[in-house]
């Protein structure tokens, strides 16, 4: 066989090998993200506002406008009166990734708490909204606390707060109500992308604009910061928190949410 034929045979064999490798390369399955909010109405959501029955959208607090779900205080006459509100997706989840975009707008109501300025949250593993007490402030849950900057100071977002719950970090049980993340500060009315990965009662991770900012383990019942049915929740202390509803908060500052999606794992 001539030298040219040997070289040609080698090239043909090499090309065939490359094609075979291409055929063997696994195709990544497409992620099946599902929209929880259709941008048009609140038909798949349950509203519970302190002092009002589940389903009562007191003062038209939660509205849909320009494709966004908005916390709206136009009918409050600048008086919040601790009417903390939450809007829950209609069914519970356990293992999933959740993502959305949020931004703070306008000004806080005049009698809102200082800590509630540019403050909202995603509540994970929530109790059933239909079982929440009439005057209960917050659902027992794990909170992804969303904070906006004040234009001057550093203020992290996607922090962890724990109404009626505890978690483990670095091998230790953490009982502090809120733990700061490692995020940047986001001032003004810019949209921020938040994502959460929830693995039942094993691990939860928070991401801001694609960067992991905090992770923790073993969410469980316990701790304080609840004002309803306290003896019952105390009896569950230490038991794992495996699943629950997802809700978004109203805490006296206008906020908007959009592109609300979930990927069940």
Protein backbone atom coordinates (compact mmCIF):
# COMPACT_ATOMS: atom_id res chain seq x y z
CA UNK A 1 0.00 0.00 0.00
CA UNK A 2 1.41 3.39 -0.96
CA UNK A 3 2.07 6.09 1.55
CA UNK A 4 -0.87 8.18 0.21
CA UNK A 5 -3.27 5.26 0.59
CA UNK A 6 -2.10 4.64 4.15
CA UNK A 7 -2.68 8.30 5.01
CA UNK A 8 -6.14 8.24 3.38
CA UNK A 9 -7.11 5.11 5.31
CA UNK A 10 -5.93 6.70 8.54
CA UNK A 11 -8.02 9.84 7.91
CA UNK A 12 -11.11 7.77 7.10
CA UNK A 13 -10.68 5.75 10.30
CA UNK A 14 -10.19 8.91 12.37
CA UNK A 15 -13.33 10.50 10.88
CA UNK A 16 -15.38 7.38 11.59
CA UNK A 17 -14.12 7.35 15.17
CA UNK A 18 -15.17 10.98 15.68
CA UNK A 19 -18.63 10.30 14.27
CA UNK A 20 -19.06 7.33 16.59
CA UNK A 21 -18.11 9.47 19.56
CA UNK A 22 -20.66 12.08 18.49
CA UNK A 23 -23.34 9.41 18.36
CA UNK A 24 -22.40 8.22 21.85
CA UNK A 25 -22.59 11.68 23.42
CA UNK A 26 -25.69 11.70 25.66
CA UNK A 27 -28.30 14.35 24.95
CA UNK A 28 -29.19 16.42 28.00
CA UNK A 29 -32.92 16.10 28.77
CA UNK A 30 -34.88 19.32 28.41
CA UNK A 31 -35.88 20.84 31.72
CA UNK A 32 -39.63 20.99 32.11
CA UNK A 33 -40.15 24.31 33.91
CA UNK A 34 -43.82 25.04 34.65
CA UNK A 35 -45.28 28.54 34.99
CA UNK A 36 -47.07 29.01 38.31
CA UNK A 37 -48.24 32.51 37.40
CA UNK A 38 -49.82 33.11 34.00
CA UNK A 39 -49.36 36.89 34.03
CA UNK A 40 -53.11 37.43 33.63
CA UNK A 41 -54.94 36.54 36.85
CA UNK A 42 -54.63 34.98 40.32
CA UNK A 43 -56.86 31.96 39.69
CA UNK A 44 -54.25 29.43 40.88
CA UNK A 45 -53.39 31.30 44.05
CA UNK A 46 -54.83 31.54 47.58
CA UNK A 47 -54.62 34.83 49.49
CA UNK A 48 -54.40 35.03 53.29
CA UNK A 49 -54.03 38.41 54.98
CA UNK A 50 -53.85 38.84 58.75
CA UNK A 51 -57.26 39.62 60.23
CA UNK A 52 -59.10 38.30 57.19
CA UNK A 53 -60.26 34.88 56.05
CA UNK A 54 -58.35 32.87 53.47
CA UNK A 55 -59.46 33.96 50.01
CA UNK A 56 -60.24 37.57 51.02
CA UNK A 57 -58.01 39.88 48.97
CA UNK A 58 -58.34 42.68 51.54
CA UNK A 59 -57.98 46.17 50.03
CA UNK A 60 -57.03 44.57 46.70
CA UNK A 61 -53.55 43.91 48.10
CA UNK A 62 -52.51 41.46 45.39
CA UNK A 63 -53.17 42.47 41.80
CA UNK A 64 -51.97 41.61 38.29
CA UNK A 65 -50.73 44.44 36.11
CA UNK A 66 -48.54 44.46 32.99
CA UNK A 67 -47.80 40.76 33.39
CA UNK A 68 -46.55 41.10 36.97
CA UNK A 69 -48.03 39.99 40.30
CA UNK A 70 -47.95 43.12 42.44
CA UNK A 71 -48.25 43.88 46.13
CA UNK A 72 -50.43 46.96 45.93
CA UNK A 73 -51.23 49.42 48.75
CA UNK A 74 -53.25 52.05 46.90
CA UNK A 75 -56.35 51.31 49.00
CA UNK A 76 -54.58 51.31 52.38
CA UNK A 77 -54.64 55.10 52.89
CA UNK A 78 -51.01 54.87 54.07
CA UNK A 79 -51.96 52.70 57.07
CA UNK A 80 -50.64 49.14 57.18
CA UNK A 81 -51.68 48.23 60.73
CA UNK A 82 -49.64 44.99 60.69
CA UNK A 83 -51.88 43.37 58.07
CA UNK A 84 -49.15 41.01 56.90
CA UNK A 85 -50.24 39.12 53.80
CA UNK A 86 -49.21 36.08 51.79
CA UNK A 87 -50.31 34.68 48.47
CA UNK A 88 -49.93 30.90 48.13
CA UNK A 89 -49.76 28.70 45.07
CA UNK A 90 -52.66 26.27 45.20
CA UNK A 91 -50.76 23.04 45.94
CA UNK A 92 -47.74 21.92 48.01
CA UNK A 93 -44.32 20.79 46.72
CA UNK A 94 -41.40 18.86 48.16
CA UNK A 95 -38.44 18.51 45.75
CA UNK A 96 -38.04 21.32 43.24
CA UNK A 97 -36.28 24.35 41.85
CA UNK A 98 -38.24 27.59 42.05
CA UNK A 99 -37.33 30.80 40.25
CA UNK A 100 -38.72 34.26 39.59
CA UNK A 101 -37.80 37.92 39.20
CA UNK A 102 -38.68 40.58 41.78
CA UNK A 103 -38.25 44.28 42.38
CA UNK A 104 -39.25 46.85 45.00
CA UNK A 105 -41.05 50.00 43.88
CA UNK A 106 -42.38 53.20 45.40
CA UNK A 107 -42.45 53.91 49.12
CA UNK A 108 -43.30 51.93 52.23
CA UNK A 109 -46.54 52.66 54.08
CA UNK A 110 -45.91 55.22 56.82
CA UNK A 111 -46.63 52.89 59.76
CA UNK A 112 -44.74 49.91 58.41
CA UNK A 113 -41.94 48.59 60.64
CA UNK A 114 -38.42 49.82 59.95
CA UNK A 115 -37.24 46.29 59.23
CA UNK A 116 -40.03 45.85 56.65
CA UNK A 117 -38.77 48.67 54.41
CA UNK A 118 -37.99 47.15 50.98
CA UNK A 119 -38.62 43.74 52.50
CA UNK A 120 -40.56 40.75 51.16
CA UNK A 121 -40.00 37.02 50.94
CA UNK A 122 -40.59 33.61 49.41
CA UNK A 123 -41.99 31.26 52.04
CA UNK A 124 -41.12 27.58 51.47
CA UNK A 125 -42.64 24.44 53.03
CA UNK A 126 -45.56 26.60 54.30
CA UNK A 127 -48.44 25.22 56.27
CA UNK A 128 -51.82 25.00 54.49
CA UNK A 129 -53.18 28.56 54.00
CA UNK A 130 -56.68 27.35 54.83
CA UNK A 131 -55.50 26.31 58.32
CA UNK A 132 -53.72 29.54 59.23
CA UNK A 133 -55.12 31.48 62.16
CA UNK A 134 -57.18 34.59 61.49
CA UNK A 135 -54.66 36.88 63.22
CA UNK A 136 -51.52 34.88 62.46
CA UNK A 137 -48.64 37.07 61.22
CA UNK A 138 -46.66 34.52 59.17
CA UNK A 139 -47.02 30.88 58.16
CA UNK A 140 -44.72 28.35 59.80
CA UNK A 141 -42.20 28.00 57.00
CA UNK A 142 -38.68 28.56 55.71
CA UNK A 143 -38.32 32.10 54.35
CA UNK A 144 -36.09 33.27 51.52
CA UNK A 145 -35.96 36.88 52.69
CA UNK A 146 -35.87 39.40 49.84
CA UNK A 147 -34.38 42.79 50.66
CA UNK A 148 -33.75 45.86 48.54
CA UNK A 149 -30.92 48.31 49.15
CA UNK A 150 -31.67 51.76 50.55
CA UNK A 151 -29.35 53.51 48.10
CA UNK A 152 -26.53 53.86 50.62
CA UNK A 153 -25.86 50.85 52.84
CA UNK A 154 -24.94 47.27 52.05
CA UNK A 155 -27.95 44.98 52.45
CA UNK A 156 -27.86 41.35 51.36
CA UNK A 157 -30.85 39.57 49.83
CA UNK A 158 -32.02 35.93 49.63
CA UNK A 159 -31.25 35.67 53.33
CA UNK A 160 -32.70 32.92 55.52
CA UNK A 161 -35.46 33.56 58.09
CA UNK A 162 -37.23 30.90 60.11
CA UNK A 163 -40.76 31.55 61.44
CA UNK A 164 -41.51 28.50 63.60
CA UNK A 165 -38.57 26.55 62.17
CA UNK A 166 -34.85 25.85 62.55
CA UNK A 167 -32.13 24.56 60.19
CA UNK A 168 -28.61 23.17 60.37
CA UNK A 169 -25.53 24.88 58.97
CA UNK A 170 -21.92 23.75 59.31
CA UNK A 171 -23.11 20.72 61.27
CA UNK A 172 -24.85 22.82 63.94
CA UNK A 173 -28.48 23.59 64.69
CA UNK A 174 -29.11 27.27 63.99
CA UNK A 175 -31.83 28.94 66.04
CA UNK A 176 -31.27 32.58 65.04
CA UNK A 177 -34.36 33.95 63.31
CA UNK A 178 -32.47 35.39 60.32
CA UNK A 179 -29.08 34.57 58.79
CA UNK A 180 -27.55 36.79 56.10
CA UNK A 181 -26.53 35.46 52.72
CA UNK A 182 -23.37 36.33 50.76
CA UNK A 183 -25.25 38.27 48.08
CA UNK A 184 -24.55 41.69 46.67
CA UNK A 185 -26.80 44.67 47.41
CA UNK A 186 -29.42 45.68 44.84
CA UNK A 187 -30.53 49.29 45.11
CA UNK A 188 -33.34 51.09 43.31
CA UNK A 189 -36.12 49.45 41.29
CA UNK A 190 -34.01 47.00 39.29
CA UNK A 191 -35.29 43.49 38.63
CA UNK A 192 -33.39 40.75 40.51
CA UNK A 193 -33.49 37.04 39.60
CA UNK A 194 -33.85 34.64 42.51
CA UNK A 195 -33.79 30.85 42.43
CA UNK A 196 -34.15 28.27 45.20
CA UNK A 197 -33.31 24.57 45.10
CA UNK A 198 -35.27 22.55 47.67
CA UNK A 199 -34.51 18.90 48.36
CA UNK A 200 -37.23 17.76 50.72
CA UNK A 201 -35.79 17.93 54.27
CA UNK A 202 -32.14 17.52 53.28
CA UNK A 203 -30.69 20.66 51.68
CA UNK A 204 -31.91 24.07 50.47
CA UNK A 205 -29.85 26.51 48.39
CA UNK A 206 -30.53 30.16 47.47
CA UNK A 207 -29.23 31.76 44.27
CA UNK A 208 -29.22 35.41 43.17
CA UNK A 209 -28.62 36.18 39.49
CA UNK A 210 -27.18 32.69 39.06
CA UNK A 211 -24.78 32.76 42.04
CA UNK A 212 -25.28 30.58 45.13
CA UNK A 213 -25.45 32.86 48.18
CA UNK A 214 -26.42 30.51 51.05
CA UNK A 215 -27.13 26.84 51.72
CA UNK A 216 -28.40 24.98 54.76
CA UNK A 217 -29.65 21.56 55.80
CA UNK A 218 -32.34 19.65 57.67
CA UNK A 219 -35.20 22.18 57.89
CA UNK A 220 -37.29 21.28 60.93
CA UNK A 221 -40.04 22.52 63.19
CA UNK A 222 -38.95 24.62 66.16
CA UNK A 223 -38.01 28.10 67.24
CA UNK A 224 -40.21 31.11 67.84
CA UNK A 225 -41.57 34.02 65.81
CA UNK A 226 -45.07 32.54 65.59
CA UNK A 227 -48.20 33.86 67.29
CA UNK A 228 -50.79 31.13 66.70
CA UNK A 229 -51.32 27.55 67.90
CA UNK A 230 -47.96 27.68 69.68
CA UNK A 231 -48.48 24.57 71.83
CA UNK A 232 -49.14 22.48 68.72
CA UNK A 233 -46.03 23.71 66.91
CA UNK A 234 -43.98 23.21 70.07
CA UNK A 235 -45.06 19.56 70.11
CA UNK A 236 -43.53 19.11 66.65
CA UNK A 237 -40.16 20.63 67.57
CA UNK A 238 -37.27 18.78 65.95
CA UNK A 239 -39.40 16.92 63.42
CA UNK A 240 -38.29 17.32 59.78
CA UNK A 241 -40.06 19.76 57.47
CA UNK A 242 -40.43 17.80 54.24
CA UNK A 243 -42.89 19.70 52.04
CA UNK A 244 -45.43 22.49 51.93
CA UNK A 245 -46.91 25.39 50.03
CA UNK A 246 -44.96 28.24 48.42
CA UNK A 247 -46.09 31.79 49.20
CA UNK A 248 -45.00 35.37 48.49
CA UNK A 249 -45.19 38.13 51.10
CA UNK A 250 -46.70 41.56 51.57
CA UNK A 251 -45.03 43.37 54.47
CA UNK A 252 -45.85 47.10 53.89
CA UNK A 253 -43.56 47.93 50.93
CA UNK A 254 -44.79 47.63 47.30
CA UNK A 255 -43.08 44.81 45.43
CA UNK A 256 -43.55 43.08 42.07
CA UNK A 257 -43.00 39.47 40.99
CA UNK A 258 -42.85 37.97 37.50
CA UNK A 259 -41.64 34.89 35.58
CA UNK A 260 -42.68 32.66 38.49
CA UNK A 261 -41.76 29.06 37.58
CA UNK A 262 -41.07 25.67 39.15
CA UNK A 263 -39.16 22.57 38.08
CA UNK A 264 -40.11 19.48 40.08
CA UNK A 265 -37.17 17.16 40.70
